[in-house]
Amino acid sequence: MLHIEHLHVNVGDKEVLRDINLHISEGETHVLLGPNGSGKTTLLMTIMGFTNYTITRGKITFKGVDVTMMHAHERAKRGIGMLFQRPPTISGLKLGKLLTAISRTKQENIPELAKSVHMDKFLERDINKGFSGGEIKRSEVLQLMIQNPDFVMLDEPESGVDLENISLIGTTIGALLEKDKYLAKRKKSGLVITHTGYILDYLDADKGHVMCDGQIRCHGNPREILKDIKQRGYKECLECRNQ
């Protein structure tokens, strides 16, 4: 599904990512952990193709196609989708209009899908304008449901969200990633950034990685990694034998 080789990325004049290597197979969900400022969001933004993130070395291959130099909208059309940690407010654009524009499903399903995440009353409202934290995250999840991407990236889906919304968002994302199917039958893959690990109560993640100082420094079972971080912090991850 996704193969990243020796990726180096600059933001402005600063090198933020160094020699990133990552392979996510079809049907797998990977979790990315790390301290603030370690480069996790930069990695997701680079995979999505945003212009402020300059690839200086390396290669990104998605479903067998080199997408390293493709624009964000081209990658989205090929099946990459992203839930943002802090999405912008877009005045003058109704949520329902956006959903119609990005739909890879039948448009008559939009009201039904919106109702499933309690967003059916928001379709005629400007995107994220006056939305609560939970409403913004549910709007983001709804956009992913309508886009129906093959590869889903989630940047801290549980941040700023109460427990009730985490349950709804987590369950919905689990369905989007086909967690109700055996791994061999899943076609959707995902990469999730989390600090708290709450989202793992709803997503059966297959592999975990720790990023520190712009490099992926450790790999392993995501729950075991998270447990170690909670007990010992990230310092020991820098010396992890699983590098």
Protein backbone atom coordinates (compact mmCIF):
# COMPACT_ATOMS: atom_id res chain seq x y z
CA MET A 1 0.00 0.00 0.00
CA LEU A 2 2.62 2.58 1.11
CA HIS A 3 6.39 2.34 0.81
CA ILE A 4 8.70 5.14 1.94
CA GLU A 5 12.42 4.91 1.21
CA HIS A 6 15.18 7.10 2.72
CA LEU A 7 12.92 10.14 2.94
CA HIS A 8 14.42 13.51 3.89
CA VAL A 9 12.12 16.54 4.26
CA ASN A 10 12.74 20.24 4.81
CA VAL A 11 10.27 22.77 6.19
CA GLY A 12 11.68 26.11 5.11
CA ASP A 13 15.45 25.91 5.55
CA LYS A 14 15.27 23.34 8.34
CA GLU A 15 15.58 19.59 7.81
CA VAL A 16 12.77 18.05 9.87
CA LEU A 17 12.72 14.43 8.67
CA ARG A 18 15.88 12.36 8.11
CA ASP A 19 16.13 8.98 6.42
CA ILE A 20 12.55 7.80 7.02
CA ASN A 21 11.85 4.22 5.95
CA LEU A 22 8.33 2.86 6.37
CA HIS A 23 6.34 0.03 4.79
CA ILE A 24 2.59 -0.38 5.37
CA SER A 25 0.96 -3.35 3.68
CA GLU A 26 -2.61 -3.58 2.45
CA GLY A 27 -4.99 -4.05 5.39
CA GLU A 28 -2.50 -2.94 8.05
CA THR A 29 -2.90 -0.09 10.54
CA HIS A 30 0.26 1.42 11.99
CA VAL A 31 0.58 3.77 14.98
CA LEU A 32 3.14 6.57 15.18
CA LEU A 33 4.17 7.87 18.60
CA GLY A 34 6.72 10.45 19.66
CA PRO A 35 7.22 13.67 21.65
CA ASN A 36 5.91 17.02 20.43
CA GLY A 37 8.01 18.48 17.65
CA SER A 38 9.52 15.16 16.61
CA GLY A 39 8.19 15.34 13.03
CA LYS A 40 5.10 13.12 13.15
CA THR A 41 2.68 15.62 11.59
CA THR A 42 5.35 16.63 9.07
CA LEU A 43 5.47 13.02 7.89
CA LEU A 44 1.70 12.89 7.37
CA MET A 45 1.68 16.24 5.59
CA THR A 46 4.51 15.07 3.33
CA ILE A 47 2.69 11.83 2.44
CA MET A 48 -0.40 13.92 1.63
CA GLY A 49 1.67 16.18 -0.63
CA PHE A 50 1.40 19.65 0.92
CA THR A 51 3.69 22.19 -0.72
CA ASN A 52 5.39 23.59 2.40
CA TYR A 53 7.05 20.22 2.96
CA THR A 54 9.98 19.83 0.56
CA ILE A 55 11.35 16.37 -0.17
CA THR A 56 15.11 16.69 -0.65
CA ARG A 57 15.86 12.98 -0.88
CA GLY A 58 13.94 9.72 -0.96
CA LYS A 59 10.82 8.26 -2.52
CA ILE A 60 7.14 7.68 -1.66
CA THR A 61 5.39 4.85 -3.49
CA PHE A 62 1.62 4.37 -3.12
CA LYS A 63 -0.05 1.25 -4.51
CA GLY A 64 2.97 0.65 -6.73
CA VAL A 65 3.06 4.19 -8.18
CA ASP A 66 5.74 6.79 -7.41
CA VAL A 67 3.80 9.76 -5.94
CA THR A 68 6.84 11.67 -4.64
CA MET A 69 6.28 14.66 -6.93
CA MET A 70 2.48 14.50 -7.16
CA HIS A 71 0.24 17.30 -5.87
CA ALA A 72 -2.07 16.74 -2.89
CA HIS A 73 -5.25 16.58 -4.99
CA GLU A 74 -3.68 13.94 -7.23
CA ARG A 75 -2.80 11.81 -4.22
CA ALA A 76 -6.32 12.26 -2.83
CA LYS A 77 -7.80 11.02 -6.11
CA ARG A 78 -5.55 7.98 -5.95
CA GLY A 79 -6.95 7.12 -2.52
CA ILE A 80 -5.02 8.90 0.23
CA GLY A 81 -7.12 10.66 2.89
CA MET A 82 -6.25 12.55 6.07
CA LEU A 83 -7.92 13.62 9.30
CA PHE A 84 -6.24 16.82 10.48
CA GLN A 85 -5.43 17.66 14.08
CA ARG A 86 -6.44 21.31 13.60
CA PRO A 87 -8.47 21.73 10.41
CA PRO A 88 -9.28 25.29 9.32
CA THR A 89 -12.62 27.07 9.37
CA ILE A 90 -13.83 27.66 5.80
CA SER A 91 -16.36 30.48 5.67
CA GLY A 92 -18.70 30.52 2.68
CA LEU A 93 -18.44 26.80 1.90
CA LYS A 94 -21.18 24.53 3.23
CA LEU A 95 -20.19 21.14 4.57
CA GLY A 96 -22.74 19.43 2.33
CA LYS A 97 -21.27 21.07 -0.79
CA LEU A 98 -17.78 19.87 0.12
CA LEU A 99 -19.01 16.34 0.72
CA THR A 100 -20.69 16.27 -2.70
CA ALA A 101 -17.47 17.49 -4.35
CA ILE A 102 -15.20 14.88 -2.76
CA SER A 103 -17.59 11.94 -2.86
CA ARG A 104 -16.32 8.60 -4.12
CA THR A 105 -19.63 7.03 -3.10
CA LYS A 106 -23.20 7.53 -4.25
CA GLN A 107 -24.25 11.08 -3.34
CA GLU A 108 -27.63 9.93 -2.06
CA ASN A 109 -25.78 8.20 0.78
CA ILE A 110 -24.43 11.50 2.15
CA PRO A 111 -27.39 12.33 4.46
CA GLU A 112 -27.42 8.78 5.79
CA LEU A 113 -23.68 8.78 6.50
CA ALA A 114 -23.92 12.25 8.07
CA LYS A 115 -26.66 11.02 10.39
CA SER A 116 -24.51 8.06 11.48
CA VAL A 117 -21.97 10.49 13.00
CA HIS A 118 -24.59 13.01 14.20
CA MET A 119 -23.66 15.57 11.54
CA ASP A 120 -26.90 15.62 9.52
CA LYS A 121 -27.87 19.02 10.98
CA PHE A 122 -24.52 20.54 9.95
CA LEU A 123 -24.69 20.02 6.19
CA GLU A 124 -25.93 23.59 5.55
CA ARG A 125 -23.38 25.19 7.88
CA ASP A 126 -20.01 26.66 6.93
CA ILE A 127 -17.24 24.13 7.48
CA ASN A 128 -16.09 24.10 11.14
CA LYS A 129 -17.53 27.58 11.80
CA GLY A 130 -18.71 27.56 15.41
CA PHE A 131 -18.16 23.81 15.71
CA SER A 132 -17.06 22.30 19.01
CA GLY A 133 -13.96 20.10 19.18
CA GLY A 134 -16.04 16.95 18.91
CA GLU A 135 -18.10 18.34 16.04
CA ILE A 136 -14.94 19.24 14.11
CA LYS A 137 -13.57 15.73 14.52
CA ARG A 138 -16.89 14.18 13.51
CA SER A 139 -16.93 16.44 10.44
CA GLU A 140 -13.41 15.26 9.55
CA VAL A 141 -14.43 11.61 9.97
CA LEU A 142 -17.52 12.18 7.81
CA GLN A 143 -15.35 13.67 5.06
CA LEU A 144 -13.19 10.53 5.16
CA MET A 145 -16.28 8.33 4.99
CA ILE A 146 -17.48 10.18 1.88
CA GLN A 147 -14.02 10.24 0.28
CA ASN A 148 -13.64 6.52 1.10
CA PRO A 149 -9.82 6.47 0.78
CA ASP A 150 -7.74 3.30 0.54
CA PHE A 151 -5.11 4.75 2.89
CA VAL A 152 -6.26 6.75 5.93
CA MET A 153 -4.01 9.05 7.97
CA LEU A 154 -5.23 10.26 11.37
CA ASP A 155 -3.42 13.05 13.21
CA GLU A 156 -4.37 12.68 16.90
CA PRO A 157 -8.04 11.78 16.33
CA GLU A 158 -8.74 11.80 20.09
CA SER A 159 -7.28 15.25 20.89
CA GLY A 160 -9.77 17.81 22.20
CA VAL A 161 -12.59 15.25 22.18
CA ASP A 162 -14.69 13.97 25.09
CA LEU A 163 -15.09 10.27 25.83
CA GLU A 164 -18.47 9.96 24.12
CA ASN A 165 -17.12 11.43 20.89
CA ILE A 166 -13.96 9.31 21.07
CA SER A 167 -16.18 6.22 21.18
CA LEU A 168 -18.19 7.31 18.13
CA ILE A 169 -15.14 8.48 16.18
CA GLY A 170 -13.10 5.40 17.07
CA THR A 171 -15.88 2.98 16.15
CA THR A 172 -16.50 4.78 12.85
CA ILE A 173 -12.82 4.83 11.92
CA GLY A 174 -12.59 1.15 12.83
CA ALA A 175 -15.38 0.44 10.34
CA LEU A 176 -13.69 2.64 7.71
CA LEU A 177 -10.50 0.57 8.12
CA GLU A 178 -12.51 -2.66 7.85
CA LYS A 179 -11.55 -3.86 11.32
CA ASP A 180 -14.57 -6.15 11.30
CA LYS A 181 -12.81 -8.29 8.67
CA TYR A 182 -9.88 -10.67 8.95
CA LEU A 183 -6.55 -9.03 8.08
CA ALA A 184 -6.19 -11.04 4.88
CA LYS A 185 -9.52 -9.68 3.62
CA ARG A 186 -8.95 -6.02 4.47
CA LYS A 187 -8.23 -3.59 1.63
CA LYS A 188 -7.87 -0.39 3.69
CA SER A 189 -4.71 0.68 5.49
CA GLY A 190 -3.98 3.41 8.02
CA LEU A 191 -1.34 5.46 9.82
CA VAL A 192 -2.39 6.99 13.16
CA ILE A 193 -0.61 9.56 15.33
CA THR A 194 -1.58 9.31 19.00
CA HIS A 195 -0.24 10.65 22.29
CA THR A 196 -2.77 9.19 24.71
CA GLY A 197 -3.40 5.84 23.03
CA TYR A 198 -7.16 6.09 23.64
CA ILE A 199 -7.87 5.48 19.96
CA LEU A 200 -6.29 2.01 20.33
CA ASP A 201 -9.34 0.96 22.33
CA TYR A 202 -11.25 1.08 19.02
CA LEU A 203 -8.55 0.29 16.45
CA ASP A 204 -6.72 -3.01 16.35
CA ALA A 205 -3.34 -1.59 15.31
CA ASP A 206 -0.83 -4.00 13.79
CA LYS A 207 2.50 -2.20 14.28
CA GLY A 208 3.86 0.74 16.24
CA HIS A 209 6.74 3.15 15.59
CA VAL A 210 8.40 5.85 17.70
CA MET A 211 9.68 9.02 16.06
CA CYS A 212 12.27 11.21 17.80
CA ASP A 213 14.22 14.13 16.33
CA GLY A 214 12.91 13.52 12.82
CA GLN A 215 13.79 9.83 12.68
CA ILE A 216 11.86 6.62 13.30
CA ARG A 217 13.88 5.11 16.14
CA CYS A 218 11.87 2.12 17.34
CA HIS A 219 9.37 -0.47 16.07
CA GLY A 220 7.17 -3.03 17.79
CA ASN A 221 3.81 -3.86 19.29
CA PRO A 222 1.94 -0.53 19.66
CA ARG A 223 0.42 -1.31 23.06
CA GLU A 224 3.73 -2.49 24.49
CA ILE A 225 5.51 0.61 23.16
CA LEU A 226 2.83 2.88 24.63
CA LYS A 227 3.06 1.10 28.00
CA ASP A 228 6.84 1.56 28.06
CA ILE A 229 6.55 5.24 27.16
CA LYS A 230 4.02 5.84 29.95
CA GLN A 231 6.32 4.15 32.46
CA ARG A 232 9.72 5.42 31.31
CA GLY A 233 9.15 8.27 28.85
CA TYR A 234 10.83 8.60 25.46
CA LYS A 235 14.42 8.60 26.69
CA GLU A 236 14.60 4.82 26.74
CA CYS A 237 13.08 4.64 23.25
CA LEU A 238 16.20 6.36 21.95
CA GLU A 239 18.18 3.35 23.14
CA CYS A 240 15.56 0.75 22.13
CA ARG A 241 16.93 -2.56 20.90
CA ASN A 242 14.17 -2.67 18.26
CA GLN A 243 15.72 0.13 16.19
